[in-house]
C-alpha atoms as a PDB file:
ATOM      1  CA  MET A   1      19.669  -7.181  -3.937  1.00  0.00           C
ATOM      2  CA  ALA A   2      18.179  -8.414  -7.030  1.00  0.00           C
ATOM      3  CA  GLU A   3      14.238  -8.909  -8.230  1.00  0.00           C
ATOM      4  CA  ARG A   4      13.476 -12.896  -7.953  1.00  0.00           C
ATOM      5  CA  LYS A   5      11.526 -14.158 -11.116  1.00  0.00           C
ATOM      6  CA  PRO A   6       9.148 -17.173 -10.409  1.00  0.00           C
ATOM      7  CA  VAL A   7      10.265 -20.328 -12.591  1.00  0.00           C
ATOM      8  CA  GLU A   8       8.367 -23.413 -13.571  1.00  0.00           C
ATOM      9  CA  VAL A   9       9.577 -26.279 -11.557  1.00  0.00           C
ATOM     10  CA  GLN A  10       9.515 -29.165 -14.157  1.00  0.00           C
ATOM     11  CA  PRO A  11       9.378 -32.846 -12.625  1.00  0.00           C
ATOM     12  CA  ALA A  12      12.841 -35.010 -12.047  1.00  0.00           C
ATOM     13  CA  SER A  13      13.482 -37.260 -14.840  1.00  0.00           C
ATOM     14  CA  GLY A  14      11.124 -39.795 -14.581  1.00  0.00           C
ATOM     15  CA  GLY A  15       8.778 -38.121 -12.945  1.00  0.00           C
ATOM     16  CA  ILE A  16       4.979 -36.667 -14.072  1.00  0.00           C
ATOM     17  CA  MET A  17       2.815 -33.305 -12.783  1.00  0.00           C
ATOM     18  CA  PRO A  18      -0.773 -34.653 -12.798  1.00  0.00           C
ATOM     19  CA  VAL A  19      -2.936 -33.392 -15.241  1.00  0.00           C
ATOM     20  CA  GLY A  20      -3.892 -29.358 -14.273  1.00  0.00           C
ATOM     21  CA  VAL A  21      -1.367 -28.884 -11.547  1.00  0.00           C
ATOM     22  CA  ARG A  22       1.769 -26.343 -12.273  1.00  0.00           C
ATOM     23  CA  VAL A  23       4.559 -25.540  -9.496  1.00  0.00           C
ATOM     24  CA  PHE A  24       6.578 -22.191  -9.581  1.00  0.00           C
ATOM     25  CA  ARG A  25       9.743 -21.386  -7.717  1.00  0.00           C
ATOM     26  CA  TRP A  26      11.143 -18.074  -6.566  1.00  0.00           C
ATOM     27  CA  GLU A  27      14.526 -19.176  -6.029  1.00  0.00           C
ATOM     28  CA  GLY A  28      17.639 -17.955  -3.550  1.00  0.00           C
ATOM     29  CA  ILE A  29      15.352 -15.164  -1.492  1.00  0.00           C
ATOM     30  CA  VAL A  30      17.642 -13.006   0.565  1.00  0.00           C
ATOM     31  CA  GLN A  31      17.520  -9.999   2.477  1.00  0.00           C
ATOM     32  CA  GLY A  32      16.925  -7.221   0.356  1.00  0.00           C
ATOM     33  CA  ASP A  33      15.494  -9.076  -2.821  1.00  0.00           C
ATOM     34  CA  THR A  34      12.138  -8.521  -4.009  1.00  0.00           C
ATOM     35  CA  CYS A  35      10.104 -10.672  -5.434  1.00  0.00           C
ATOM     36  CA  ALA A  36       8.342 -10.671  -9.425  1.00  0.00           C
ATOM     37  CA  PRO A  37       4.564 -11.222  -9.123  1.00  0.00           C
ATOM     38  CA  LEU A  38       3.184 -14.360 -11.042  1.00  0.00           C
ATOM     39  CA  ASN A  39       0.350 -14.073 -13.334  1.00  0.00           C
ATOM     40  CA  ILE A  40      -1.810 -17.272 -11.931  1.00  0.00           C
ATOM     41  CA  ALA A  41      -5.213 -15.737 -13.554  1.00  0.00           C
ATOM     42  CA  GLY A  42      -7.848 -18.782 -13.774  1.00  0.00           C
ATOM     43  CA  CYS A  43      -6.169 -21.223 -11.393  1.00  0.00           C
ATOM     44  CA  GLU A  44      -7.733 -22.233  -8.260  1.00  0.00           C
ATOM     45  CA  ARG A  45      -6.199 -24.313  -5.398  1.00  0.00           C
ATOM     46  CA  LEU A  46      -3.303 -22.270  -4.568  1.00  0.00           C
ATOM     47  CA  THR A  47      -0.635 -23.423  -2.135  1.00  0.00           C
ATOM     48  CA  LEU A  48       2.550 -21.575  -0.805  1.00  0.00           C
ATOM     49  CA  HIS A  49       5.817 -23.744   0.545  1.00  0.00           C
ATOM     50  CA  ALA A  50       8.765 -22.210   1.821  1.00  0.00           C
ATOM     51  CA  ILE A  51      11.966 -23.670   2.629  1.00  0.00           C
ATOM     52  CA  GLY A  52      15.493 -23.033   3.579  1.00  0.00           C
ATOM     53  CA  THR A  53      16.900 -20.535   6.121  1.00  0.00           C
ATOM     54  CA  PHE A  54      15.224 -17.990   7.606  1.00  0.00           C
ATOM     55  CA  ASP A  55      17.619 -16.185  10.072  1.00  0.00           C
ATOM     56  CA  THR A  56      14.725 -14.192  11.720  1.00  0.00           C
ATOM     57  CA  GLY A  57      13.300 -13.633   8.258  1.00  0.00           C
ATOM     58  CA  THR A  58       9.473 -13.498   7.607  1.00  0.00           C
ATOM     59  CA  ILE A  59       7.893 -14.912   4.506  1.00  0.00           C
ATOM     60  CA  THR A  60       4.644 -13.694   3.862  1.00  0.00           C
ATOM     61  CA  VAL A  61       2.357 -13.791   0.517  1.00  0.00           C
ATOM     62  CA  GLN A  62       0.455 -10.667  -1.319  1.00  0.00           C
ATOM     63  CA  GLY A  63      -1.744 -10.733  -3.955  1.00  0.00           C
ATOM     64  CA  THR A  64      -3.804  -8.612  -6.362  1.00  0.00           C
ATOM     65  CA  VAL A  65      -6.802  -8.752  -8.849  1.00  0.00           C
ATOM     66  CA  ASP A  66      -5.307  -5.942 -10.842  1.00  0.00           C
ATOM     67  CA  PRO A  67      -3.572  -7.736 -14.087  1.00  0.00           C
ATOM     68  CA  ASP A  68      -1.022  -4.456 -14.247  1.00  0.00           C
ATOM     69  CA  PRO A  69       2.186  -5.963 -12.532  1.00  0.00           C
ATOM     70  CA  ALA A  70       2.853  -2.517 -10.594  1.00  0.00           C
ATOM     71  CA  GLY A  71      -0.890  -2.929  -9.505  1.00  0.00           C
ATOM     72  CA  THR A  72      -1.547  -2.663  -5.473  1.00  0.00           C
ATOM     73  CA  PHE A  73      -0.623  -6.198  -3.606  1.00  0.00           C
ATOM     74  CA  THR A  74      -2.073  -6.418  -0.195  1.00  0.00           C
ATOM     75  CA  ALA A  75      -1.537  -9.517   2.057  1.00  0.00           C
ATOM     76  CA  LEU A  76      -3.105 -13.072   1.582  1.00  0.00           C
ATOM     77  CA  ARG A  77      -4.588 -15.221   4.137  1.00  0.00           C
ATOM     78  CA  ASP A  78      -5.218 -18.821   4.609  1.00  0.00           C
ATOM     79  CA  GLN A  79      -8.281 -20.850   4.847  1.00  0.00           C
ATOM     80  CA  THR A  80      -9.032 -19.581   8.330  1.00  0.00           C
ATOM     81  CA  GLY A  81      -8.756 -16.285   7.909  1.00  0.00           C
ATOM     82  CA  THR A  82      -5.278 -15.854   9.479  1.00  0.00           C
ATOM     83  CA  ALA A  83      -2.581 -13.694   7.191  1.00  0.00           C
ATOM     84  CA  ILE A  84      -0.116 -15.885   6.113  1.00  0.00           C
ATOM     85  CA  SER A  85       3.439 -15.362   7.449  1.00  0.00           C
ATOM     86  CA  LEU A  86       6.354 -17.669   7.687  1.00  0.00           C
ATOM     87  CA  THR A  87       9.242 -17.705  10.100  1.00  0.00           C
ATOM     88  CA  ALA A  88      10.840 -21.388   9.613  1.00  0.00           C
ATOM     89  CA  ALA A  89       9.762 -23.927   6.823  1.00  0.00           C
ATOM     90  CA  GLY A  90       6.102 -24.262   6.207  1.00  0.00           C
ATOM     91  CA  ILE A  91       3.191 -24.949   3.817  1.00  0.00           C
ATOM     92  CA  ARG A  92       0.259 -22.762   3.863  1.00  0.00           C
ATOM     93  CA  LYS A  93      -3.326 -23.049   1.135  1.00  0.00           C
ATOM     94  CA  ILE A  94      -3.863 -19.452   0.270  1.00  0.00           C
ATOM     95  CA  GLY A  95      -7.570 -18.867   0.583  1.00  0.00           C
ATOM     96  CA  GLU A  96      -8.191 -16.166  -1.564  1.00  0.00           C
ATOM     97  CA  ASP A  97      -8.641 -15.745  -5.082  1.00  0.00           C
ATOM     98  CA  VAL A  98      -6.190 -13.137  -6.887  1.00  0.00           C
ATOM     99  CA  VAL A  99      -4.777 -12.884 -10.384  1.00  0.00           C
ATOM    100  CA  GLN A 100      -1.151 -12.286  -9.188  1.00  0.00           C
ATOM    101  CA  VAL A 101       0.586 -13.513  -6.209  1.00  0.00           C
ATOM    102  CA  LYS A 102       4.227 -12.934  -5.545  1.00  0.00           C
ATOM    103  CA  PRO A 103       6.009 -13.543  -2.012  1.00  0.00           C
ATOM    104  CA  VAL A 104       7.471 -10.795   0.457  1.00  0.00           C
ATOM    105  CA  LEU A 105      10.279 -11.039   2.534  1.00  0.00           C
ATOM    106  CA  THR A 106      10.824  -8.835   5.715  1.00  0.00           C
ATOM    107  CA  GLY A 107      13.604  -8.833   7.731  1.00  0.00           C
ATOM    108  CA  GLY A 108      16.652 -11.800   7.806  1.00  0.00           C
ATOM    109  CA  GLY A 109      20.096 -11.694   8.538  1.00  0.00           C
ATOM    110  CA  GLY A 110      23.431 -12.242   6.510  1.00  0.00           C
ATOM    111  CA  SER A 111      22.460 -16.376   6.337  1.00  0.00           C
ATOM    112  CA  THR A 112      18.848 -15.823   5.082  1.00  0.00           C
ATOM    113  CA  ASP A 113      18.285 -17.869   2.006  1.00  0.00           C
ATOM    114  CA  ILE A 114      14.691 -18.971   1.001  1.00  0.00           C
ATOM    115  CA  ASP A 115      12.961 -20.749  -1.911  1.00  0.00           C
ATOM    116  CA  VAL A 116       9.159 -20.304  -1.837  1.00  0.00           C
ATOM    117  CA  PHE A 117       7.047 -22.858  -3.933  1.00  0.00           C
ATOM    118  CA  LEU A 118       3.346 -21.973  -5.258  1.00  0.00           C
ATOM    119  CA  LEU A 119       1.301 -24.986  -6.188  1.00  0.00           C
ATOM    120  CA  VAL A 120      -1.560 -24.256  -8.730  1.00  0.00           C
ATOM    121  CA  GLY A 121      -4.343 -26.019  -9.867  1.00  0.00           C
ATOM    122  CA  THR A 122      -5.830 -24.543 -13.523  1.00  0.00           C
ATOM    123  CA  VAL A 123      -9.621 -24.587 -14.183  1.00  0.00           C
ATOM    124  CA  ALA A 124     -10.886 -26.540 -16.698  1.00  0.00           C
ATOM    125  CA  ARG A 125     -12.348 -24.503 -19.616  1.00  0.00           C
ATOM    126  CA  ARG A 126     -15.557 -25.985 -21.669  1.00  0.00           C
END
């Protein structure tokens, strides 16, 4: 049981990340882990991508507009208004604007090992 912290993903050698796009990863989420929230204030175009071995686990995504990491998080929905819930590898666009976001693993077995990526587009400031 560990707290998984988001780490910014850098492009592979020779690759480039488009201007205004950042990708973060919570790596190796297993049964009993918690995920630290990521502050994404000023970002838009949020897309979640989960991969790995789910072994009956479910990844949901929670967010809050409270800037306090200990704030109250609630389930986030996709663009159709459906709560985001993945039981296998998948990609979902987050349809709500939040200040902080974090994945949550419920269930899972001994072989559960999931990586969650979050693509964020930054808002241009004038």
